[in-house]
Protein backbone atom coordinates (compact mmCIF):
# COMPACT_ATOMS: atom_id res chain seq x y z
CA MET A 1 0.72 10.79 5.18
CA ARG A 2 -1.80 8.13 6.20
CA HIS A 3 -4.55 9.94 4.36
CA ALA A 4 -2.49 9.98 1.20
CA ILE A 5 -1.92 6.24 1.42
CA GLN A 6 -5.66 5.62 1.96
CA LEU A 7 -6.46 7.80 -1.02
CA PHE A 8 -4.09 5.86 -3.20
CA GLY A 9 -5.68 2.51 -1.87
CA LEU A 10 -9.09 3.86 -2.63
CA TYR A 11 -8.03 4.79 -6.22
CA LEU A 12 -6.72 1.27 -6.66
CA VAL A 13 -10.06 -0.14 -5.49
CA VAL A 14 -12.01 1.99 -7.90
CA ALA A 15 -9.58 1.39 -10.71
CA GLY A 16 -9.73 -2.43 -10.20
CA ILE A 17 -13.56 -2.36 -10.14
CA SER A 18 -13.68 -0.04 -13.18
CA GLY A 19 -11.16 -2.25 -15.13
CA THR A 20 -13.40 -5.28 -14.25
CA ILE A 21 -16.39 -3.60 -15.60
CA ASP A 22 -14.41 -2.56 -18.71
CA ARG A 23 -13.53 -6.16 -19.43
CA LEU A 24 -16.96 -7.43 -19.00
CA ALA A 25 -18.82 -4.49 -20.68
CA ALA A 26 -17.88 -1.11 -22.04
CA GLN A 27 -16.96 1.45 -19.32
CA PRO A 28 -17.14 4.99 -20.73
CA PHE A 29 -16.98 6.86 -17.36
CA LEU A 30 -13.50 8.25 -16.75
CA GLY A 31 -12.05 5.45 -18.80
CA ALA A 32 -8.58 7.13 -19.51
CA ILE A 33 -8.03 7.70 -15.87
CA LEU A 34 -9.60 4.64 -14.13
CA ASN A 35 -8.78 2.07 -16.73
CA TYR A 36 -5.03 2.84 -17.21
CA PHE A 37 -4.00 -0.46 -15.53
CA ASN A 38 -6.58 -2.38 -17.48
CA ARG A 39 -5.80 -0.90 -20.90
CA VAL A 40 -2.08 -0.24 -20.70
CA ILE A 41 -0.45 -2.56 -18.06
CA VAL A 42 -2.54 -5.78 -18.40
CA PRO A 43 -1.97 -6.20 -22.20
CA ARG A 44 1.76 -5.83 -21.82
CA VAL A 45 2.27 -8.42 -19.10
CA ASP A 46 2.20 -11.89 -20.44
CA LEU A 47 1.25 -13.39 -17.04
CA PHE A 48 -2.15 -11.67 -17.23
CA THR A 49 -3.10 -13.16 -20.70
CA GLY A 50 -6.50 -14.79 -20.13
CA TYR A 51 -6.68 -13.72 -16.54
CA GLU A 52 -7.52 -9.98 -17.14
CA VAL A 53 -10.61 -9.99 -14.90
CA TYR A 54 -8.71 -11.57 -12.08
CA ALA A 55 -5.90 -9.13 -12.50
CA ASN A 56 -8.24 -6.23 -12.10
CA LEU A 57 -10.02 -7.79 -9.12
CA GLY A 58 -6.67 -8.36 -7.54
CA LEU A 59 -5.82 -4.74 -8.04
CA ALA A 60 -9.07 -3.88 -6.24
CA LEU A 61 -8.21 -6.29 -3.51
CA LEU A 62 -4.76 -4.81 -3.08
CA GLY A 63 -6.21 -1.34 -2.80
CA GLY A 64 -8.63 -2.65 -0.15
CA VAL A 65 -5.66 -4.09 1.82
CA ILE A 66 -3.76 -0.82 1.60
CA VAL A 67 -6.75 1.23 2.84
CA VAL A 68 -7.34 -1.24 5.82
CA ALA A 69 -3.58 -1.35 6.64
CA ALA A 70 -3.26 2.39 6.50
CA ASP A 71 -6.38 2.82 8.75
CA ASP A 72 -5.46 0.09 11.20
CA ARG A 73 -2.06 1.83 11.93
CA ARG A 74 -2.21 2.63 15.72
CA THR A 75 -0.36 5.60 17.21
CA ALA A 76 1.56 5.02 20.38
């Protein structure tokens, strides 16, 4: 289960970085998969208006936290 959580966190990191690149310049590489958050979620949330790059970087940061938290889990 830990590996699945790490994989999800890694996806969030890559999607956040890809979304940031997509906001700053065109991102043609796997755009439909990696930029789902950037192209579908961000425009629908009014809180992110004007802060799209920060929202994508926050997604990448959240993914990094999930990866570290899943990796740091100690077994007894």
